[in-house]
């Protein structure tokens, strides 16, 4: 009897196992009769759904590392670099803040247009 269950388990089609997805692992979608509360909570619910799927797929350690890297380190570095850039413009180049921000906007334009061009 034990051998029969082992054989049956080994003969199972792996593609059928992938199609079976628990409700917790499924991506969040709006209900058919969505109201204002659903629209307000959509960012939170979709992020929660994404994080659950990520933790299920890769584990909690890599998920925490990625979250720390992109949310904390990248955010702090961009803030620090903005302050350094403003200080550099004022002290070294002798340019006021408005012109410094204009130069920054011009320099960032190719990256802003990249999504429109589909690159």
PDB file of N, CA and C in Angstrom:
ATOM      1  N   UNK A   1       0.843  -1.206   0.000  1.00  0.00           N
ATOM      2  CA  UNK A   1       0.000   0.000   0.000  1.00  0.00           C
ATOM      3  C   UNK A   1       0.877   1.255   0.000  1.00  0.00           C
ATOM      4  N   UNK A   2       1.930   1.243   0.805  1.00  0.00           N
ATOM      5  CA  UNK A   2       2.834   2.385   0.864  1.00  0.00           C
ATOM      6  C   UNK A   2       3.526   2.588  -0.479  1.00  0.00           C
ATOM      7  N   UNK A   3       3.894   1.503  -1.121  1.00  0.00           N
ATOM      8  CA  UNK A   3       4.564   1.596  -2.412  1.00  0.00           C
ATOM      9  C   UNK A   3       3.613   2.146  -3.469  1.00  0.00           C
ATOM     10  N   UNK A   4       2.356   1.799  -3.404  1.00  0.00           N
ATOM     11  CA  UNK A   4       1.374   2.288  -4.381  1.00  0.00           C
ATOM     12  C   UNK A   4       1.195   3.799  -4.263  1.00  0.00           C
ATOM     13  N   UNK A   5       1.178   4.319  -3.034  1.00  0.00           N
ATOM     14  CA  UNK A   5       1.036   5.774  -2.872  1.00  0.00           C
ATOM     15  C   UNK A   5       2.283   6.498  -3.351  1.00  0.00           C
ATOM     16  N   UNK A   6       3.473   5.894  -3.163  1.00  0.00           N
ATOM     17  CA  UNK A   6       4.705   6.500  -3.653  1.00  0.00           C
ATOM     18  C   UNK A   6       4.728   6.540  -5.176  1.00  0.00           C
ATOM     19  N   UNK A   7       4.266   5.478  -5.810  1.00  0.00           N
ATOM     20  CA  UNK A   7       4.218   5.435  -7.269  1.00  0.00           C
ATOM     21  C   UNK A   7       3.215   6.463  -7.790  1.00  0.00           C
ATOM     22  N   UNK A   8       2.048   6.550  -7.143  1.00  0.00           N
ATOM     23  CA  UNK A   8       1.032   7.513  -7.565  1.00  0.00           C
ATOM     24  C   UNK A   8       1.545   8.941  -7.412  1.00  0.00           C
ATOM     25  N   UNK A   9       2.293   9.189  -6.356  1.00  0.00           N
ATOM     26  CA  UNK A   9       2.842  10.526  -6.138  1.00  0.00           C
ATOM     27  C   UNK A   9       3.909  10.848  -7.183  1.00  0.00           C
ATOM     28  N   UNK A  10       4.702   9.866  -7.584  1.00  0.00           N
ATOM     29  CA  UNK A  10       5.747  10.123  -8.569  1.00  0.00           C
ATOM     30  C   UNK A  10       5.182  10.277  -9.978  1.00  0.00           C
ATOM     31  N   UNK A  11       3.979   9.719 -10.232  1.00  0.00           N
ATOM     32  CA  UNK A  11       3.360   9.822 -11.556  1.00  0.00           C
ATOM     33  C   UNK A  11       2.536  11.093 -11.732  1.00  0.00           C
ATOM     34  N   UNK A  12       2.425  11.884 -10.693  1.00  0.00           N
ATOM     35  CA  UNK A  12       1.651  13.129 -10.781  1.00  0.00           C
ATOM     36  C   UNK A  12       2.289  14.082 -11.773  1.00  0.00           C
ATOM     37  N   UNK A  13       1.470  14.796 -12.510  1.00  0.00           N
ATOM     38  CA  UNK A  13       1.960  15.768 -13.492  1.00  0.00           C
ATOM     39  C   UNK A  13       2.376  17.041 -12.770  1.00  0.00           C
ATOM     40  N   UNK A  14       3.654  17.473 -12.887  1.00  0.00           N
ATOM     41  CA  UNK A  14       4.104  18.678 -12.174  1.00  0.00           C
ATOM     42  C   UNK A  14       3.418  19.952 -12.660  1.00  0.00           C
ATOM     43  N   UNK A  15       2.943  19.984 -13.897  1.00  0.00           N
ATOM     44  CA  UNK A  15       2.276  21.192 -14.399  1.00  0.00           C
ATOM     45  C   UNK A  15       0.945  21.417 -13.678  1.00  0.00           C
ATOM     46  N   UNK A  16       0.304  20.342 -13.222  1.00  0.00           N
ATOM     47  CA  UNK A  16      -0.950  20.490 -12.482  1.00  0.00           C
ATOM     48  C   UNK A  16      -0.705  21.084 -11.108  1.00  0.00           C
ATOM     49  N   UNK A  17       0.453  20.801 -10.502  1.00  0.00           N
ATOM     50  CA  UNK A  17       0.753  21.340  -9.182  1.00  0.00           C
ATOM     51  C   UNK A  17       0.946  22.845  -9.228  1.00  0.00           C
ATOM     52  N   UNK A  18       1.519  23.358 -10.302  1.00  0.00           N
ATOM     53  CA  UNK A  18       1.752  24.792 -10.420  1.00  0.00           C
ATOM     54  C   UNK A  18       0.456  25.568 -10.581  1.00  0.00           C
ATOM     55  N   UNK A  19      -0.551  24.921 -11.220  1.00  0.00           N
ATOM     56  CA  UNK A  19      -1.823  25.606 -11.435  1.00  0.00           C
ATOM     57  C   UNK A  19      -2.625  25.755 -10.154  1.00  0.00           C
ATOM     58  N   UNK A  20      -2.391  24.858  -9.202  1.00  0.00           N
ATOM     59  CA  UNK A  20      -3.097  24.936  -7.935  1.00  0.00           C
ATOM     60  C   UNK A  20      -2.446  26.015  -7.083  1.00  0.00           C
ATOM     61  N   UNK A  21      -3.141  27.131  -6.930  1.00  0.00           N
ATOM     62  CA  UNK A  21      -2.571  28.262  -6.197  1.00  0.00           C
ATOM     63  C   UNK A  21      -3.512  28.581  -5.039  1.00  0.00           C
ATOM     64  N   UNK A  22      -2.931  28.694  -3.857  1.00  0.00           N
ATOM     65  CA  UNK A  22      -3.763  29.009  -2.706  1.00  0.00           C
ATOM     66  C   UNK A  22      -4.232  30.460  -2.798  1.00  0.00           C
ATOM     67  N   UNK A  23      -5.350  30.787  -2.170  1.00  0.00           N
ATOM     68  CA  UNK A  23      -5.847  32.166  -2.221  1.00  0.00           C
ATOM     69  C   UNK A  23      -4.865  33.167  -1.635  1.00  0.00           C
ATOM     70  N   UNK A  24      -4.015  32.735  -0.705  1.00  0.00           N
ATOM     71  CA  UNK A  24      -3.044  33.637  -0.099  1.00  0.00           C
ATOM     72  C   UNK A  24      -1.939  34.011  -1.085  1.00  0.00           C
ATOM     73  N   UNK A  25      -1.625  33.098  -2.018  1.00  0.00           N
ATOM     74  CA  UNK A  25      -0.557  33.344  -2.981  1.00  0.00           C
ATOM     75  C   UNK A  25      -1.048  34.080  -4.230  1.00  0.00           C
ATOM     76  N   UNK A  26      -2.349  34.200  -4.389  1.00  0.00           N
ATOM     77  CA  UNK A  26      -2.891  34.823  -5.589  1.00  0.00           C
ATOM     78  C   UNK A  26      -2.686  36.332  -5.564  1.00  0.00           C
ATOM     79  N   UNK A  27      -2.585  36.906  -6.739  1.00  0.00           N
ATOM     80  CA  UNK A  27      -2.419  38.351  -6.863  1.00  0.00           C
ATOM     81  C   UNK A  27      -3.733  39.041  -6.533  1.00  0.00           C
ATOM     82  N   UNK A  28      -3.640  40.195  -5.869  1.00  0.00           N
ATOM     83  CA  UNK A  28      -4.835  40.926  -5.480  1.00  0.00           C
ATOM     84  C   UNK A  28      -5.500  41.546  -6.704  1.00  0.00           C
ATOM     85  N   UNK A  29      -6.804  41.394  -6.819  1.00  0.00           N
ATOM     86  CA  UNK A  29      -7.587  42.038  -7.877  1.00  0.00           C
ATOM     87  C   UNK A  29      -8.780  42.739  -7.236  1.00  0.00           C
ATOM     88  N   UNK A  30      -9.244  43.791  -7.897  1.00  0.00           N
ATOM     89  CA  UNK A  30     -10.418  44.503  -7.410  1.00  0.00           C
ATOM     90  C   UNK A  30     -11.645  43.597  -7.461  1.00  0.00           C
ATOM     91  N   UNK A  31     -12.550  43.753  -6.480  1.00  0.00           N
ATOM     92  CA  UNK A  31     -13.811  43.035  -6.586  1.00  0.00           C
ATOM     93  C   UNK A  31     -14.669  43.646  -7.699  1.00  0.00           C
ATOM     94  N   UNK A  32     -15.661  42.897  -8.179  1.00  0.00           N
ATOM     95  CA  UNK A  32     -16.518  43.403  -9.259  1.00  0.00           C
ATOM     96  C   UNK A  32     -17.288  44.650  -8.855  1.00  0.00           C
ATOM     97  N   UNK A  33     -17.719  44.707  -7.618  1.00  0.00           N
ATOM     98  CA  UNK A  33     -18.479  45.871  -7.142  1.00  0.00           C
ATOM     99  C   UNK A  33     -17.595  46.726  -6.223  1.00  0.00           C
ATOM    100  N   UNK A  34     -16.485  47.219  -6.760  1.00  0.00           N
ATOM    101  CA  UNK A  34     -15.515  47.981  -5.968  1.00  0.00           C
ATOM    102  C   UNK A  34     -16.112  49.315  -5.520  1.00  0.00           C
ATOM    103  N   UNK A  35     -15.814  49.702  -4.286  1.00  0.00           N
ATOM    104  CA  UNK A  35     -16.252  50.996  -3.767  1.00  0.00           C
ATOM    105  C   UNK A  35     -15.031  51.854  -3.450  1.00  0.00           C
ATOM    106  N   UNK A  36     -15.249  52.999  -2.859  1.00  0.00           N
ATOM    107  CA  UNK A  36     -14.164  53.931  -2.570  1.00  0.00           C
ATOM    108  C   UNK A  36     -13.122  53.296  -1.647  1.00  0.00           C
ATOM    109  N   UNK A  37     -13.566  52.542  -0.655  1.00  0.00           N
ATOM    110  CA  UNK A  37     -12.643  51.889   0.270  1.00  0.00           C
ATOM    111  C   UNK A  37     -11.698  50.932  -0.434  1.00  0.00           C
ATOM    112  N   UNK A  38     -12.211  50.229  -1.455  1.00  0.00           N
ATOM    113  CA  UNK A  38     -11.350  49.321  -2.207  1.00  0.00           C
ATOM    114  C   UNK A  38     -10.276  50.082  -2.970  1.00  0.00           C
ATOM    115  N   UNK A  39     -10.640  51.237  -3.515  1.00  0.00           N
ATOM    116  CA  UNK A  39      -9.652  52.045  -4.242  1.00  0.00           C
ATOM    117  C   UNK A  39      -8.622  52.648  -3.293  1.00  0.00           C
ATOM    118  N   UNK A  40      -9.063  53.040  -2.108  1.00  0.00           N
ATOM    119  CA  UNK A  40      -8.140  53.618  -1.130  1.00  0.00           C
ATOM    120  C   UNK A  40      -7.167  52.558  -0.626  1.00  0.00           C
ATOM    121  N   UNK A  41      -7.658  51.362  -0.406  1.00  0.00           N
ATOM    122  CA  UNK A  41      -6.826  50.290   0.145  1.00  0.00           C
ATOM    123  C   UNK A  41      -6.051  49.509  -0.917  1.00  0.00           C
ATOM    124  N   UNK A  42      -6.270  49.804  -2.198  1.00  0.00           N
ATOM    125  CA  UNK A  42      -5.614  49.037  -3.259  1.00  0.00           C
ATOM    126  C   UNK A  42      -4.089  49.033  -3.160  1.00  0.00           C
ATOM    127  N   UNK A  43      -3.421  50.183  -2.948  1.00  0.00           N
ATOM    128  CA  UNK A  43      -1.953  50.117  -2.852  1.00  0.00           C
ATOM    129  C   UNK A  43      -1.478  49.196  -1.728  1.00  0.00           C
ATOM    130  N   UNK A  44      -2.123  49.279  -0.577  1.00  0.00           N
ATOM    131  CA  UNK A  44      -1.727  48.433   0.554  1.00  0.00           C
ATOM    132  C   UNK A  44      -1.972  46.961   0.247  1.00  0.00           C
ATOM    133  N   UNK A  45      -3.152  46.642  -0.270  1.00  0.00           N
ATOM    134  CA  UNK A  45      -3.500  45.244  -0.533  1.00  0.00           C
ATOM    135  C   UNK A  45      -2.617  44.639  -1.625  1.00  0.00           C
ATOM    136  N   UNK A  46      -2.330  45.407  -2.653  1.00  0.00           N
ATOM    137  CA  UNK A  46      -1.486  44.860  -3.717  1.00  0.00           C
ATOM    138  C   UNK A  46      -0.052  44.682  -3.228  1.00  0.00           C
ATOM    139  N   UNK A  47       0.453  45.611  -2.389  1.00  0.00           N
ATOM    140  CA  UNK A  47       1.798  45.455  -1.845  1.00  0.00           C
ATOM    141  C   UNK A  47       1.851  44.245  -0.909  1.00  0.00           C
ATOM    142  N   UNK A  48       0.825  44.080  -0.099  1.00  0.00           N
ATOM    143  CA  UNK A  48       0.768  42.937   0.809  1.00  0.00           C
ATOM    144  C   UNK A  48       0.750  41.627   0.028  1.00  0.00           C
ATOM    145  N   UNK A  49      -0.032  41.584  -1.040  1.00  0.00           N
ATOM    146  CA  UNK A  49      -0.097  40.392  -1.879  1.00  0.00           C
ATOM    147  C   UNK A  49       1.252  40.112  -2.522  1.00  0.00           C
ATOM    148  N   UNK A  50       1.910  41.162  -3.013  1.00  0.00           N
ATOM    149  CA  UNK A  50       3.228  41.012  -3.638  1.00  0.00           C
ATOM    150  C   UNK A  50       4.249  40.487  -2.638  1.00  0.00           C
ATOM    151  N   UNK A  51       4.253  41.050  -1.435  1.00  0.00           N
ATOM    152  CA  UNK A  51       5.218  40.620  -0.427  1.00  0.00           C
ATOM    153  C   UNK A  51       4.983  39.167  -0.009  1.00  0.00           C
ATOM    154  N   UNK A  52       3.727  38.754   0.105  1.00  0.00           N
ATOM    155  CA  UNK A  52       3.437  37.354   0.454  1.00  0.00           C
ATOM    156  C   UNK A  52       3.961  36.414  -0.623  1.00  0.00           C
ATOM    157  N   UNK A  53       3.731  36.780  -1.890  1.00  0.00           N
ATOM    158  CA  UNK A  53       4.219  35.940  -2.980  1.00  0.00           C
ATOM    159  C   UNK A  53       5.744  35.916  -3.014  1.00  0.00           C
ATOM    160  N   UNK A  54       6.366  37.050  -2.740  1.00  0.00           N
ATOM    161  CA  UNK A  54       7.826  37.121  -2.756  1.00  0.00           C
ATOM    162  C   UNK A  54       8.430  36.282  -1.634  1.00  0.00           C
ATOM    163  N   UNK A  55       7.850  36.380  -0.439  1.00  0.00           N
ATOM    164  CA  UNK A  55       8.342  35.594   0.696  1.00  0.00           C
ATOM    165  C   UNK A  55       8.137  34.109   0.439  1.00  0.00           C
ATOM    166  N   UNK A  56       6.999  33.741  -0.157  1.00  0.00           N
ATOM    167  CA  UNK A  56       6.740  32.342  -0.470  1.00  0.00           C
ATOM    168  C   UNK A  56       7.743  31.820  -1.496  1.00  0.00           C
ATOM    169  N   UNK A  57       8.075  32.643  -2.480  1.00  0.00           N
ATOM    170  CA  UNK A  57       8.969  32.202  -3.554  1.00  0.00           C
ATOM    171  C   UNK A  57      10.439  32.211  -3.155  1.00  0.00           C
ATOM    172  N   UNK A  58      10.890  33.256  -2.456  1.00  0.00           N
ATOM    173  CA  UNK A  58      12.311  33.435  -2.205  1.00  0.00           C
ATOM    174  C   UNK A  58      12.728  33.326  -0.744  1.00  0.00           C
ATOM    175  N   UNK A  59      11.785  33.384   0.182  1.00  0.00           N
ATOM    176  CA  UNK A  59      12.128  33.344   1.596  1.00  0.00           C
ATOM    177  C   UNK A  59      12.131  34.737   2.198  1.00  0.00           C
ATOM    178  N   UNK A  60      12.012  34.799   3.516  1.00  0.00           N
ATOM    179  CA  UNK A  60      11.866  36.097   4.174  1.00  0.00           C
ATOM    180  C   UNK A  60      13.176  36.866   4.235  1.00  0.00           C
ATOM    181  N   UNK A  61      14.310  36.165   4.271  1.00  0.00           N
ATOM    182  CA  UNK A  61      15.589  36.870   4.405  1.00  0.00           C
ATOM    183  C   UNK A  61      15.907  37.732   3.186  1.00  0.00           C
ATOM    184  N   UNK A  62      15.783  37.157   2.001  1.00  0.00           N
ATOM    185  CA  UNK A  62      16.077  37.948   0.803  1.00  0.00           C
ATOM    186  C   UNK A  62      15.031  39.039   0.615  1.00  0.00           C
ATOM    187  N   UNK A  63      13.802  38.775   1.021  1.00  0.00           N
ATOM    188  CA  UNK A  63      12.752  39.791   0.913  1.00  0.00           C
ATOM    189  C   UNK A  63      13.069  40.995   1.791  1.00  0.00           C
ATOM    190  N   UNK A  64      13.528  40.740   3.006  1.00  0.00           N
ATOM    191  CA  UNK A  64      13.894  41.835   3.907  1.00  0.00           C
ATOM    192  C   UNK A  64      15.109  42.576   3.370  1.00  0.00           C
ATOM    193  N   UNK A  65      16.081  41.858   2.849  1.00  0.00           N
ATOM    194  CA  UNK A  65      17.270  42.505   2.298  1.00  0.00           C
ATOM    195  C   UNK A  65      16.927  43.414   1.129  1.00  0.00           C
ATOM    196  N   UNK A  66      16.070  42.952   0.238  1.00  0.00           N
ATOM    197  CA  UNK A  66      15.664  43.783  -0.900  1.00  0.00           C
ATOM    198  C   UNK A  66      14.881  45.007  -0.448  1.00  0.00           C
ATOM    199  N   UNK A  67      13.984  44.818   0.512  1.00  0.00           N
ATOM    200  CA  UNK A  67      13.202  45.948   1.015  1.00  0.00           C
ATOM    201  C   UNK A  67      14.107  46.991   1.656  1.00  0.00           C
ATOM    202  N   UNK A  68      15.048  46.552   2.465  1.00  0.00           N
ATOM    203  CA  UNK A  68      15.983  47.482   3.108  1.00  0.00           C
ATOM    204  C   UNK A  68      16.825  48.189   2.053  1.00  0.00           C
ATOM    205  N   UNK A  69      17.292  47.451   1.075  1.00  0.00           N
ATOM    206  CA  UNK A  69      18.157  48.038   0.046  1.00  0.00           C
ATOM    207  C   UNK A  69      17.437  49.113  -0.753  1.00  0.00           C
ATOM    208  N   UNK A  70      16.252  48.818  -1.232  1.00  0.00           N
ATOM    209  CA  UNK A  70      15.576  49.752  -2.116  1.00  0.00           C
ATOM    210  C   UNK A  70      14.834  50.851  -1.375  1.00  0.00           C
ATOM    211  N   UNK A  71      14.280  50.557  -0.220  1.00  0.00           N
ATOM    212  CA  UNK A  71      13.483  51.569   0.473  1.00  0.00           C
ATOM    213  C   UNK A  71      14.323  52.461   1.378  1.00  0.00           C
ATOM    214  N   UNK A  72      15.266  51.883   2.064  1.00  0.00           N
ATOM    215  CA  UNK A  72      16.015  52.666   3.045  1.00  0.00           C
ATOM    216  C   UNK A  72      17.317  53.189   2.451  1.00  0.00           C
ATOM    217  N   UNK A  73      18.170  52.299   1.962  1.00  0.00           N
ATOM    218  CA  UNK A  73      19.483  52.712   1.485  1.00  0.00           C
ATOM    219  C   UNK A  73      19.356  53.627   0.266  1.00  0.00           C
ATOM    220  N   UNK A  74      18.579  53.224  -0.725  1.00  0.00           N
ATOM    221  CA  UNK A  74      18.445  54.028  -1.934  1.00  0.00           C
ATOM    222  C   UNK A  74      17.783  55.366  -1.634  1.00  0.00           C
ATOM    223  N   UNK A  75      16.761  55.373  -0.802  1.00  0.00           N
ATOM    224  CA  UNK A  75      16.094  56.621  -0.439  1.00  0.00           C
ATOM    225  C   UNK A  75      17.002  57.568   0.320  1.00  0.00           C
ATOM    226  N   UNK A  76      17.770  57.027   1.266  1.00  0.00           N
ATOM    227  CA  UNK A  76      18.684  57.870   2.039  1.00  0.00           C
ATOM    228  C   UNK A  76      19.803  58.412   1.152  1.00  0.00           C
ATOM    229  N   UNK A  77      20.316  57.579   0.262  1.00  0.00           N
ATOM    230  CA  UNK A  77      21.399  58.033  -0.607  1.00  0.00           C
ATOM    231  C   UNK A  77      20.936  59.124  -1.560  1.00  0.00           C
ATOM    232  N   UNK A  78      19.734  58.999  -2.093  1.00  0.00           N
ATOM    233  CA  UNK A  78      19.257  60.047  -2.996  1.00  0.00           C
ATOM    234  C   UNK A  78      19.045  61.355  -2.245  1.00  0.00           C
ATOM    235  N   UNK A  79      18.598  61.289  -0.991  1.00  0.00           N
ATOM    236  CA  UNK A  79      18.420  62.493  -0.186  1.00  0.00           C
ATOM    237  C   UNK A  79      19.767  63.139   0.132  1.00  0.00           C
ATOM    238  N   UNK A  80      20.721  62.332   0.551  1.00  0.00           N
ATOM    239  CA  UNK A  80      22.050  62.858   0.873  1.00  0.00           C
ATOM    240  C   UNK A  80      22.703  63.451  -0.369  1.00  0.00           C
ATOM    241  N   UNK A  81      22.582  62.768  -1.503  1.00  0.00           N
ATOM    242  CA  UNK A  81      23.184  63.276  -2.738  1.00  0.00           C
ATOM    243  C   UNK A  81      22.527  64.573  -3.193  1.00  0.00           C
ATOM    244  N   UNK A  82      21.239  64.737  -2.968  1.00  0.00           N
ATOM    245  CA  UNK A  82      20.570  65.992  -3.324  1.00  0.00           C
ATOM    246  C   UNK A  82      21.115  67.142  -2.487  1.00  0.00           C
ATOM    247  N   UNK A  83      21.342  66.898  -1.202  1.00  0.00           N
ATOM    248  CA  UNK A  83      21.902  67.942  -0.347  1.00  0.00           C
ATOM    249  C   UNK A  83      23.346  68.265  -0.736  1.00  0.00           C
ATOM    250  N   UNK A  84      24.130  67.230  -1.050  1.00  0.00           N
ATOM    251  CA  UNK A  84      25.511  67.448  -1.466  1.00  0.00           C
ATOM    252  C   UNK A  84      25.547  68.222  -2.780  1.00  0.00           C
ATOM    253  N   UNK A  85      24.661  67.870  -3.699  1.00  0.00           N
ATOM    254  CA  UNK A  85      24.616  68.541  -4.997  1.00  0.00           C
ATOM    255  C   UNK A  85      24.278  70.017  -4.835  1.00  0.00           C
ATOM    256  N   UNK A  86      23.317  70.324  -3.976  1.00  0.00           N
ATOM    257  CA  UNK A  86      22.940  71.716  -3.744  1.00  0.00           C
ATOM    258  C   UNK A  86      24.104  72.491  -3.129  1.00  0.00           C
ATOM    259  N   UNK A  87      24.779  71.880  -2.164  1.00  0.00           N
ATOM    260  CA  UNK A  87      25.930  72.522  -1.549  1.00  0.00           C
ATOM    261  C   UNK A  87      27.044  72.734  -2.569  1.00  0.00           C
ATOM    262  N   UNK A  88      27.286  71.756  -3.414  1.00  0.00           N
ATOM    263  CA  UNK A  88      28.314  71.877  -4.452  1.00  0.00           C
ATOM    264  C   UNK A  88      27.979  73.008  -5.426  1.00  0.00           C
ATOM    265  N   UNK A  89      26.715  73.094  -5.818  1.00  0.00           N
ATOM    266  CA  UNK A  89      26.308  74.151  -6.742  1.00  0.00           C
ATOM    267  C   UNK A  89      26.522  75.529  -6.125  1.00  0.00           C
ATOM    268  N   UNK A  90      26.138  75.674  -4.866  1.00  0.00           N
ATOM    269  CA  UNK A  90      26.237  76.991  -4.227  1.00  0.00           C
ATOM    270  C   UNK A  90      27.679  77.382  -3.947  1.00  0.00           C
ATOM    271  N   UNK A  91      28.449  76.477  -3.323  1.00  0.00           N
ATOM    272  CA  UNK A  91      29.790  76.829  -2.864  1.00  0.00           C
ATOM    273  C   UNK A  91      30.836  76.776  -3.965  1.00  0.00           C
ATOM    274  N   UNK A  92      30.831  75.730  -4.760  1.00  0.00           N
ATOM    275  CA  UNK A  92      31.882  75.548  -5.748  1.00  0.00           C
ATOM    276  C   UNK A  92      31.575  76.248  -7.073  1.00  0.00           C
ATOM    277  N   UNK A  93      30.347  76.068  -7.569  1.00  0.00           N
ATOM    278  CA  UNK A  93      29.999  76.632  -8.864  1.00  0.00           C
ATOM    279  C   UNK A  93      29.467  78.056  -8.773  1.00  0.00           C
ATOM    280  N   UNK A  94      29.027  78.458  -7.576  1.00  0.00           N
ATOM    281  CA  UNK A  94      28.460  79.789  -7.405  1.00  0.00           C
ATOM    282  C   UNK A  94      27.100  79.944  -8.073  1.00  0.00           C
ATOM    283  N   UNK A  95      26.337  78.874  -8.132  1.00  0.00           N
ATOM    284  CA  UNK A  95      25.022  78.869  -8.780  1.00  0.00           C
ATOM    285  C   UNK A  95      23.962  78.787  -7.691  1.00  0.00           C
ATOM    286  N   UNK A  96      22.878  79.552  -7.839  1.00  0.00           N
ATOM    287  CA  UNK A  96      21.823  79.508  -6.830  1.00  0.00           C
ATOM    288  C   UNK A  96      20.998  78.218  -6.962  1.00  0.00           C
ATOM    289  N   UNK A  97      20.128  77.978  -5.996  1.00  0.00           N
ATOM    290  CA  UNK A  97      19.360  76.738  -5.920  1.00  0.00           C
ATOM    291  C   UNK A  97      18.435  76.515  -7.099  1.00  0.00           C
ATOM    292  N   UNK A  98      17.818  77.596  -7.600  1.00  0.00           N
ATOM    293  CA  UNK A  98      16.885  77.467  -8.719  1.00  0.00           C
ATOM    294  C   UNK A  98      17.599  76.982  -9.980  1.00  0.00           C
ATOM    295  N   UNK A  99      18.747  77.564 -10.264  1.00  0.00           N
ATOM    296  CA  UNK A  99      19.505  77.151 -11.453  1.00  0.00           C
ATOM    297  C   UNK A  99      20.058  75.743 -11.284  1.00  0.00           C
ATOM    298  N   UNK A 100      20.427  75.395 -10.061  1.00  0.00           N
ATOM    299  CA  UNK A 100      20.935  74.043  -9.793  1.00  0.00           C
ATOM    300  C   UNK A 100      19.832  73.008 -10.052  1.00  0.00           C
ATOM    301  N   UNK A 101      18.614  73.296  -9.607  1.00  0.00           N
ATOM    302  CA  UNK A 101      17.500  72.379  -9.850  1.00  0.00           C
ATOM    303  C   UNK A 101      17.148  72.313 -11.333  1.00  0.00           C
ATOM    304  N   UNK A 102      17.274  73.424 -12.039  1.00  0.00           N
ATOM    305  CA  UNK A 102      17.033  73.423 -13.482  1.00  0.00           C
ATOM    306  C   UNK A 102      18.054  72.540 -14.192  1.00  0.00           C
ATOM    307  N   UNK A 103      19.326  72.661 -13.803  1.00  0.00           N
ATOM    308  CA  UNK A 103      20.367  71.803 -14.389  1.00  0.00           C
ATOM    309  C   UNK A 103      20.093  70.331 -14.084  1.00  0.00           C
ATOM    310  N   UNK A 104      19.629  70.053 -12.871  1.00  0.00           N
ATOM    311  CA  UNK A 104      19.326  68.679 -12.497  1.00  0.00           C
ATOM    312  C   UNK A 104      18.165  68.148 -13.327  1.00  0.00           C
ATOM    313  N   UNK A 105      17.139  68.956 -13.545  1.00  0.00           N
ATOM    314  CA  UNK A 105      15.992  68.535 -14.349  1.00  0.00           C
ATOM    315  C   UNK A 105      16.412  68.232 -15.784  1.00  0.00           C
ATOM    316  N   UNK A 106      17.279  69.070 -16.330  1.00  0.00           N
ATOM    317  CA  UNK A 106      17.764  68.842 -17.694  1.00  0.00           C
ATOM    318  C   UNK A 106      18.597  67.557 -17.749  1.00  0.00           C
ATOM    319  N   UNK A 107      19.423  67.333 -16.742  1.00  0.00           N
ATOM    320  CA  UNK A 107      20.263  66.139 -16.717  1.00  0.00           C
ATOM    321  C   UNK A 107      19.439  64.865 -16.545  1.00  0.00           C
ATOM    322  N   UNK A 108      18.300  64.929 -15.858  1.00  0.00           N
ATOM    323  CA  UNK A 108      17.462  63.755 -15.608  1.00  0.00           C
ATOM    324  C   UNK A 108      16.464  63.484 -16.730  1.00  0.00           C
ATOM    325  N   UNK A 109      16.339  64.383 -17.698  1.00  0.00           N
ATOM    326  CA  UNK A 109      15.354  64.231 -18.771  1.00  0.00           C
ATOM    327  C   UNK A 109      15.507  62.921 -19.551  1.00  0.00           C
ATOM    328  N   UNK A 110      16.708  62.496 -19.934  1.00  0.00           N
ATOM    329  CA  UNK A 110      16.798  61.224 -20.674  1.00  0.00           C
ATOM    330  C   UNK A 110      16.225  60.033 -19.897  1.00  0.00           C
ATOM    331  N   UNK A 111      16.405  60.000 -18.591  1.00  0.00           N
ATOM    332  CA  UNK A 111      15.861  58.895 -17.792  1.00  0.00           C
ATOM    333  C   UNK A 111      14.343  59.009 -17.658  1.00  0.00           C
ATOM    334  N   UNK A 112      13.826  60.204 -17.672  1.00  0.00           N
ATOM    335  CA  UNK A 112      12.376  60.382 -17.599  1.00  0.00           C
ATOM    336  C   UNK A 112      11.714  59.978 -18.905  1.00  0.00           C
ATOM    337  N   UNK A 113      12.372  60.197 -20.017  1.00  0.00           N
ATOM    338  CA  UNK A 113      11.817  59.896 -21.337  1.00  0.00           C
ATOM    339  C   UNK A 113      11.992  58.423 -21.686  1.00  0.00           C
ATOM    340  N   UNK A 114      12.865  57.731 -20.987  1.00  0.00           N
ATOM    341  CA  UNK A 114      13.176  56.335 -21.280  1.00  0.00           C
ATOM    342  C   UNK A 114      11.926  55.450 -21.263  1.00  0.00           C
ATOM    343  N   UNK A 115      11.023  55.680 -20.320  1.00  0.00           N
ATOM    344  CA  UNK A 115       9.798  54.878 -20.255  1.00  0.00           C
ATOM    345  C   UNK A 115       8.865  55.142 -21.425  1.00  0.00           C
ATOM    346  N   UNK A 116       8.799  56.365 -21.886  1.00  0.00           N
ATOM    347  CA  UNK A 116       7.947  56.709 -23.022  1.00  0.00           C
ATOM    348  C   UNK A 116       8.480  56.078 -24.301  1.00  0.00           C
ATOM    349  N   UNK A 117       9.790  56.051 -24.434  1.00  0.00           N
ATOM    350  CA  UNK A 117      10.403  55.487 -25.629  1.00  0.00           C
ATOM    351  C   UNK A 117      10.378  53.959 -25.622  1.00  0.00           C
ATOM    352  N   UNK A 118      10.178  53.364 -24.464  1.00  0.00           N
ATOM    353  CA  UNK A 118      10.133  51.913 -24.373  1.00  0.00           C
ATOM    354  C   UNK A 118      11.476  51.253 -24.300  1.00  0.00           C
ATOM    355  N   UNK A 119      12.452  51.973 -23.797  1.00  0.00           N
ATOM    356  CA  UNK A 119      13.799  51.408 -23.678  1.00  0.00           C
ATOM    357  C   UNK A 119      13.929  50.654 -22.388  1.00  0.00           C
TER     358      UNK A 119
END
